[in-house]
PDB file of N, CA and C in Angstrom:
ATOM      1  N   MET A   1      52.798  69.692 106.725  1.00  0.00           N
ATOM      2  CA  MET A   1      51.476  69.603 106.137  1.00  0.00           C
ATOM      3  C   MET A   1      50.448  70.122 107.135  1.00  0.00           C
ATOM      4  N   GLN A   2      49.591  70.933 106.666  1.00  0.00           N
ATOM      5  CA  GLN A   2      48.596  71.520 107.538  1.00  0.00           C
ATOM      6  C   GLN A   2      47.478  70.547 107.883  1.00  0.00           C
ATOM      7  N   THR A   3      47.373  69.451 107.184  1.00  0.00           N
ATOM      8  CA  THR A   3      46.301  68.508 107.461  1.00  0.00           C
ATOM      9  C   THR A   3      46.623  67.565 108.608  1.00  0.00           C
ATOM     10  N   LEU A   4      47.874  67.593 109.085  1.00  0.00           N
ATOM     11  CA  LEU A   4      48.234  66.723 110.190  1.00  0.00           C
ATOM     12  C   LEU A   4      47.564  67.198 111.480  1.00  0.00           C
ATOM     13  N   ILE A   5      47.201  66.248 112.305  1.00  0.00           N
ATOM     14  CA  ILE A   5      46.599  66.580 113.592  1.00  0.00           C
ATOM     15  C   ILE A   5      47.678  67.170 114.488  1.00  0.00           C
ATOM     16  N   GLY A   6      47.348  68.256 115.154  1.00  0.00           N
ATOM     17  CA  GLY A   6      48.285  68.889 116.073  1.00  0.00           C
ATOM     18  C   GLY A   6      49.254  69.834 115.392  1.00  0.00           C
ATOM     19  N   TRP A   7      49.033  70.110 114.138  1.00  0.00           N
ATOM     20  CA  TRP A   7      49.933  71.014 113.427  1.00  0.00           C
ATOM     21  C   TRP A   7      49.709  72.445 113.872  1.00  0.00           C
ATOM     22  N   ASN A   8      50.793  73.173 114.016  1.00  0.00           N
ATOM     23  CA  ASN A   8      50.677  74.602 114.246  1.00  0.00           C
ATOM     24  C   ASN A   8      51.841  75.293 113.550  1.00  0.00           C
ATOM     25  N   ASP A   9      51.742  76.563 113.406  1.00  0.00           N
ATOM     26  CA  ASP A   9      52.806  77.279 112.711  1.00  0.00           C
ATOM     27  C   ASP A   9      53.647  78.129 113.670  1.00  0.00           C
ATOM     28  N   ALA A  10      53.756  77.685 114.906  1.00  0.00           N
ATOM     29  CA  ALA A  10      54.507  78.446 115.910  1.00  0.00           C
ATOM     30  C   ALA A  10      55.975  78.580 115.523  1.00  0.00           C
ATOM     31  N   GLY A  11      56.531  77.618 114.820  1.00  0.00           N
ATOM     32  CA  GLY A  11      57.935  77.666 114.429  1.00  0.00           C
ATOM     33  C   GLY A  11      58.146  78.296 113.070  1.00  0.00           C
ATOM     34  N   HIS A  12      57.090  78.742 112.444  1.00  0.00           N
ATOM     35  CA  HIS A  12      57.191  79.322 111.116  1.00  0.00           C
ATOM     36  C   HIS A  12      57.848  80.695 111.184  1.00  0.00           C
ATOM     37  N   VAL A  13      58.853  80.896 110.338  1.00  0.00           N
ATOM     38  CA  VAL A  13      59.534  82.179 110.277  1.00  0.00           C
ATOM     39  C   VAL A  13      59.136  82.845 108.964  1.00  0.00           C
ATOM     40  N   PRO A  14      58.487  83.997 109.041  1.00  0.00           N
ATOM     41  CA  PRO A  14      58.062  84.651 107.809  1.00  0.00           C
ATOM     42  C   PRO A  14      59.251  85.230 107.042  1.00  0.00           C
ATOM     43  N   THR A  15      59.109  85.317 105.741  1.00  0.00           N
ATOM     44  CA  THR A  15      60.137  85.926 104.908  1.00  0.00           C
ATOM     45  C   THR A  15      60.064  87.439 105.081  1.00  0.00           C
ATOM     46  N   PRO A  16      61.189  88.072 105.425  1.00  0.00           N
ATOM     47  CA  PRO A  16      61.157  89.524 105.632  1.00  0.00           C
ATOM     48  C   PRO A  16      60.959  90.272 104.314  1.00  0.00           C
ATOM     49  N   ALA A  17      60.428  91.456 104.422  1.00  0.00           N
ATOM     50  CA  ALA A  17      60.214  92.296 103.250  1.00  0.00           C
ATOM     51  C   ALA A  17      61.560  92.693 102.650  1.00  0.00           C
ATOM     52  N   PRO A  18      61.623  92.872 101.336  1.00  0.00           N
ATOM     53  CA  PRO A  18      62.890  93.261 100.694  1.00  0.00           C
ATOM     54  C   PRO A  18      63.488  94.542 101.261  1.00  0.00           C
ATOM     55  N   THR A  19      62.657  95.474 101.680  1.00  0.00           N
ATOM     56  CA  THR A  19      63.195  96.711 102.252  1.00  0.00           C
ATOM     57  C   THR A  19      63.877  96.457 103.592  1.00  0.00           C
ATOM     58  N   VAL A  20      63.346  95.498 104.345  1.00  0.00           N
ATOM     59  CA  VAL A  20      63.955  95.142 105.629  1.00  0.00           C
ATOM     60  C   VAL A  20      65.307  94.477 105.389  1.00  0.00           C
ATOM     61  N   VAL A  21      65.366  93.601 104.391  1.00  0.00           N
ATOM     62  CA  VAL A  21      66.617  92.916 104.055  1.00  0.00           C
ATOM     63  C   VAL A  21      67.657  93.931 103.586  1.00  0.00           C
ATOM     64  N   ALA A  22      67.249  94.857 102.728  1.00  0.00           N
ATOM     65  CA  ALA A  22      68.176  95.877 102.222  1.00  0.00           C
ATOM     66  C   ALA A  22      68.696  96.757 103.357  1.00  0.00           C
ATOM     67  N   ALA A  23      67.829  97.125 104.283  1.00  0.00           N
ATOM     68  CA  ALA A  23      68.245  97.950 105.410  1.00  0.00           C
ATOM     69  C   ALA A  23      69.231  97.200 106.304  1.00  0.00           C
ATOM     70  N   ALA A  24      68.979  95.913 106.521  1.00  0.00           N
ATOM     71  CA  ALA A  24      69.880  95.105 107.349  1.00  0.00           C
ATOM     72  C   ALA A  24      71.244  94.976 106.686  1.00  0.00           C
ATOM     73  N   ARG A  25      71.255  94.750 105.364  1.00  0.00           N
ATOM     74  CA  ARG A  25      72.525  94.650 104.646  1.00  0.00           C
ATOM     75  C   ARG A  25      73.295  95.964 104.720  1.00  0.00           C
ATOM     76  N   ALA A  26      72.597  97.070 104.511  1.00  0.00           N
ATOM     77  CA  ALA A  26      73.249  98.381 104.566  1.00  0.00           C
ATOM     78  C   ALA A  26      73.851  98.635 105.949  1.00  0.00           C
ATOM     79  N   ALA A  27      73.135  98.232 106.986  1.00  0.00           N
ATOM     80  CA  ALA A  27      73.640  98.408 108.349  1.00  0.00           C
ATOM     81  C   ALA A  27      74.898  97.568 108.575  1.00  0.00           C
ATOM     82  N   LEU A  28      74.913  96.335 108.069  1.00  0.00           N
ATOM     83  CA  LEU A  28      76.095  95.482 108.221  1.00  0.00           C
ATOM     84  C   LEU A  28      77.289  96.041 107.460  1.00  0.00           C
ATOM     85  N   VAL A  29      77.043  96.526 106.255  1.00  0.00           N
ATOM     86  CA  VAL A  29      78.131  97.104 105.465  1.00  0.00           C
ATOM     87  C   VAL A  29      78.712  98.311 106.195  1.00  0.00           C
ATOM     88  N   GLU A  30      77.858  99.167 106.699  1.00  0.00           N
ATOM     89  CA  GLU A  30      78.317 100.356 107.421  1.00  0.00           C
ATOM     90  C   GLU A  30      79.108  99.969 108.672  1.00  0.00           C
ATOM     91  N   GLU A  31      78.620  98.954 109.370  1.00  0.00           N
ATOM     92  CA  GLU A  31      79.266  98.502 110.614  1.00  0.00           C
ATOM     93  C   GLU A  31      80.639  97.917 110.356  1.00  0.00           C
ATOM     94  N   ARG A  32      80.781  97.204 109.248  1.00  0.00           N
ATOM     95  CA  ARG A  32      82.022  96.465 108.994  1.00  0.00           C
ATOM     96  C   ARG A  32      82.940  97.111 107.977  1.00  0.00           C
ATOM     97  N   LYS A  33      82.607  98.276 107.454  1.00  0.00           N
ATOM     98  CA  LYS A  33      83.401  98.856 106.377  1.00  0.00           C
ATOM     99  C   LYS A  33      84.832  99.181 106.792  1.00  0.00           C
ATOM    100  N   ASP A  34      85.062  99.448 108.059  1.00  0.00           N
ATOM    101  CA  ASP A  34      86.411  99.780 108.511  1.00  0.00           C
ATOM    102  C   ASP A  34      87.218  98.555 108.919  1.00  0.00           C
ATOM    103  N   THR A  35      86.576  97.397 109.010  1.00  0.00           N
ATOM    104  CA  THR A  35      87.289  96.201 109.458  1.00  0.00           C
ATOM    105  C   THR A  35      87.884  95.409 108.307  1.00  0.00           C
ATOM    106  N   VAL A  36      87.412  95.633 107.106  1.00  0.00           N
ATOM    107  CA  VAL A  36      87.901  94.883 105.954  1.00  0.00           C
ATOM    108  C   VAL A  36      88.417  95.871 104.919  1.00  0.00           C
ATOM    109  N   THR A  37      89.661  95.700 104.522  1.00  0.00           N
ATOM    110  CA  THR A  37      90.239  96.557 103.502  1.00  0.00           C
ATOM    111  C   THR A  37      89.910  95.964 102.138  1.00  0.00           C
ATOM    112  N   PRO A  38      89.294  96.741 101.278  1.00  0.00           N
ATOM    113  CA  PRO A  38      89.003  96.230  99.936  1.00  0.00           C
ATOM    114  C   PRO A  38      90.285  95.805  99.218  1.00  0.00           C
ATOM    115  N   GLU A  39      90.186  94.817  98.378  1.00  0.00           N
ATOM    116  CA  GLU A  39      91.345  94.255  97.687  1.00  0.00           C
ATOM    117  C   GLU A  39      92.151  95.303  96.921  1.00  0.00           C
ATOM    118  N   PRO A  40      91.536  96.193  96.130  1.00  0.00           N
ATOM    119  CA  PRO A  40      92.355  97.177  95.416  1.00  0.00           C
ATOM    120  C   PRO A  40      93.154  98.085  96.352  1.00  0.00           C
ATOM    121  N   ALA A  41      92.567  98.497  97.451  1.00  0.00           N
ATOM    122  CA  ALA A  41      93.285  99.357  98.396  1.00  0.00           C
ATOM    123  C   ALA A  41      94.446  98.602  99.032  1.00  0.00           C
ATOM    124  N   ARG A  42      94.223  97.334  99.366  1.00  0.00           N
ATOM    125  CA  ARG A  42      95.286  96.530  99.970  1.00  0.00           C
ATOM    126  C   ARG A  42      96.409  96.323  98.955  1.00  0.00           C
ATOM    127  N   ALA A  43      96.046  96.077  97.692  1.00  0.00           N
ATOM    128  CA  ALA A  43      97.054  95.878  96.651  1.00  0.00           C
ATOM    129  C   ALA A  43      97.858  97.151  96.435  1.00  0.00           C
ATOM    130  N   ASP A  44      97.197  98.309  96.461  1.00  0.00           N
ATOM    131  CA  ASP A  44      97.908  99.581  96.308  1.00  0.00           C
ATOM    132  C   ASP A  44      98.898  99.778  97.449  1.00  0.00           C
ATOM    133  N   ALA A  45      98.479  99.476  98.658  1.00  0.00           N
ATOM    134  CA  ALA A  45      99.366  99.634  99.817  1.00  0.00           C
ATOM    135  C   ALA A  45     100.566  98.699  99.706  1.00  0.00           C
ATOM    136  N   GLU A  46     100.340  97.479  99.241  1.00  0.00           N
ATOM    137  CA  GLU A  46     101.440  96.527  99.089  1.00  0.00           C
ATOM    138  C   GLU A  46     102.400  96.976  97.989  1.00  0.00           C
ATOM    139  N   LEU A  47     101.867  97.560  96.917  1.00  0.00           N
ATOM    140  CA  LEU A  47     102.711  98.057  95.836  1.00  0.00           C
ATOM    141  C   LEU A  47     103.598  99.201  96.320  1.00  0.00           C
ATOM    142  N   VAL A  48     103.035 100.107  97.091  1.00  0.00           N
ATOM    143  CA  VAL A  48     103.813 101.218  97.640  1.00  0.00           C
ATOM    144  C   VAL A  48     104.919 100.678  98.546  1.00  0.00           C
ATOM    145  N   GLU A  49     104.576  99.720  99.388  1.00  0.00           N
ATOM    146  CA  GLU A  49     105.581  99.133 100.286  1.00  0.00           C
ATOM    147  C   GLU A  49     106.687  98.455  99.484  1.00  0.00           C
ATOM    148  N   LEU A  50     106.313  97.737  98.431  1.00  0.00           N
ATOM    149  CA  LEU A  50     107.303  97.064  97.592  1.00  0.00           C
ATOM    150  C   LEU A  50     108.236  98.073  96.928  1.00  0.00           C
ATOM    151  N   GLN A  51     107.668  99.169  96.409  1.00  0.00           N
ATOM    152  CA  GLN A  51     108.491 100.197  95.779  1.00  0.00           C
ATOM    153  C   GLN A  51     109.457 100.821  96.784  1.00  0.00           C
ATOM    154  N   GLN A  52     108.998 101.027  98.005  1.00  0.00           N
ATOM    155  CA  GLN A  52     109.873 101.590  99.035  1.00  0.00           C
ATOM    156  C   GLN A  52     111.006 100.625  99.376  1.00  0.00           C
ATOM    157  N   LEU A  53     110.703  99.341  99.448  1.00  0.00           N
ATOM    158  CA  LEU A  53     111.737  98.344  99.748  1.00  0.00           C
ATOM    159  C   LEU A  53     112.762  98.249  98.618  1.00  0.00           C
ATOM    160  N   ILE A  54     112.292  98.320  97.376  1.00  0.00           N
ATOM    161  CA  ILE A  54     113.217  98.276  96.242  1.00  0.00           C
ATOM    162  C   ILE A  54     114.126  99.500  96.257  1.00  0.00           C
ATOM    163  N   THR A  55     113.555 100.664  96.513  1.00  0.00           N
ATOM    164  CA  THR A  55     114.346 101.896  96.585  1.00  0.00           C
ATOM    165  C   THR A  55     115.388 101.799  97.690  1.00  0.00           C
ATOM    166  N   LYS A  56     114.980 101.296  98.854  1.00  0.00           N
ATOM    167  CA  LYS A  56     115.915 101.137  99.973  1.00  0.00           C
ATOM    168  C   LYS A  56     117.029 100.159  99.604  1.00  0.00           C
ATOM    169  N   GLY A  57     116.657  99.050  98.974  1.00  0.00           N
ATOM    170  CA  GLY A  57     117.658  98.065  98.554  1.00  0.00           C
ATOM    171  C   GLY A  57     118.640  98.643  97.547  1.00  0.00           C
ATOM    172  N   ASN A  58     118.133  99.445  96.611  1.00  0.00           N
ATOM    173  CA  ASN A  58     119.024 100.083  95.634  1.00  0.00           C
ATOM    174  C   ASN A  58     119.999 101.044  96.318  1.00  0.00           C
ATOM    175  N   ARG A  59     119.505 101.795  97.312  1.00  0.00           N
ATOM    176  CA  ARG A  59     120.392 102.707  98.054  1.00  0.00           C
ATOM    177  C   ARG A  59     121.487 101.920  98.772  1.00  0.00           C
ATOM    178  N   ILE A  60     121.112 100.829  99.392  1.00  0.00           N
ATOM    179  CA  ILE A  60     122.085  99.996 100.116  1.00  0.00           C
ATOM    180  C   ILE A  60     123.116  99.428  99.142  1.00  0.00           C
ATOM    181  N   ASP A  61     122.646  98.965  97.978  1.00  0.00           N
ATOM    182  CA  ASP A  61     123.574  98.428  96.969  1.00  0.00           C
ATOM    183  C   ASP A  61     124.556  99.502  96.500  1.00  0.00           C
ATOM    184  N   ARG A  62     124.053 100.703  96.243  1.00  0.00           N
ATOM    185  CA  ARG A  62     124.939 101.792  95.799  1.00  0.00           C
ATOM    186  C   ARG A  62     125.950 102.134  96.883  1.00  0.00           C
ATOM    187  N   ALA A  63     125.513 102.164  98.131  1.00  0.00           N
ATOM    188  CA  ALA A  63     126.427 102.462  99.238  1.00  0.00           C
ATOM    189  C   ALA A  63     127.484 101.375  99.366  1.00  0.00           C
ATOM    190  N   ASP A  64     127.065 100.106  99.216  1.00  0.00           N
ATOM    191  CA  ASP A  64     128.038  99.003  99.292  1.00  0.00           C
ATOM    192  C   ASP A  64     129.040  99.085  98.138  1.00  0.00           C
ATOM    193  N   ASP A  65     128.513  99.378  96.930  1.00  0.00           N
ATOM    194  CA  ASP A  65     129.398  99.497  95.771  1.00  0.00           C
ATOM    195  C   ASP A  65     130.397 100.636  95.968  1.00  0.00           C
ATOM    196  N   ALA A  66     129.933 101.741  96.504  1.00  0.00           N
ATOM    197  CA  ALA A  66     130.809 102.895  96.725  1.00  0.00           C
ATOM    198  C   ALA A  66     131.872 102.578  97.771  1.00  0.00           C
ATOM    199  N   SER A  67     131.493 101.790  98.773  1.00  0.00           N
ATOM    200  CA  SER A  67     132.444 101.497  99.850  1.00  0.00           C
ATOM    201  C   SER A  67     133.548 100.554  99.388  1.00  0.00           C
ATOM    202  N   VAL A  68     133.297  99.749  98.376  1.00  0.00           N
ATOM    203  CA  VAL A  68     134.348  98.835  97.881  1.00  0.00           C
ATOM    204  C   VAL A  68     134.969  99.341  96.582  1.00  0.00           C
ATOM    205  N   GLY A  69     134.516 100.492  96.094  1.00  0.00           N
ATOM    206  CA  GLY A  69     135.128 101.115  94.932  1.00  0.00           C
ATOM    207  C   GLY A  69     134.627 100.579  93.612  1.00  0.00           C
ATOM    208  N   VAL A  70     133.453 100.021  93.556  1.00  0.00           N
ATOM    209  CA  VAL A  70     132.894  99.513  92.290  1.00  0.00           C
ATOM    210  C   VAL A  70     132.240 100.673  91.558  1.00  0.00           C
ATOM    211  N   ALA A  71     132.568 100.832  90.286  1.00  0.00           N
ATOM    212  CA  ALA A  71     131.950 101.904  89.491  1.00  0.00           C
ATOM    213  C   ALA A  71     130.550 101.479  89.087  1.00  0.00           C
ATOM    214  N   ALA A  72     129.601 102.389  89.190  1.00  0.00           N
ATOM    215  CA  ALA A  72     128.210 102.055  88.852  1.00  0.00           C
ATOM    216  C   ALA A  72     127.939 102.244  87.388  1.00  0.00           C
TER     217      ALA A  72
END
């Protein structure tokens, strides 16, 4: 309350202008864009890895079947 004796606004923090906030956000996004992989990109990478593992497993199964004489 400004009517209190001894009041001052030395600790008052003004609200920044919207352009300042937007610039700060843009700077943070630019700074951190390489540190966080977006979810779709991470999911795509995991899908590719999964497909490679399945392909490798199928090759191993076929090789094992061939080595014991199982017809595919």
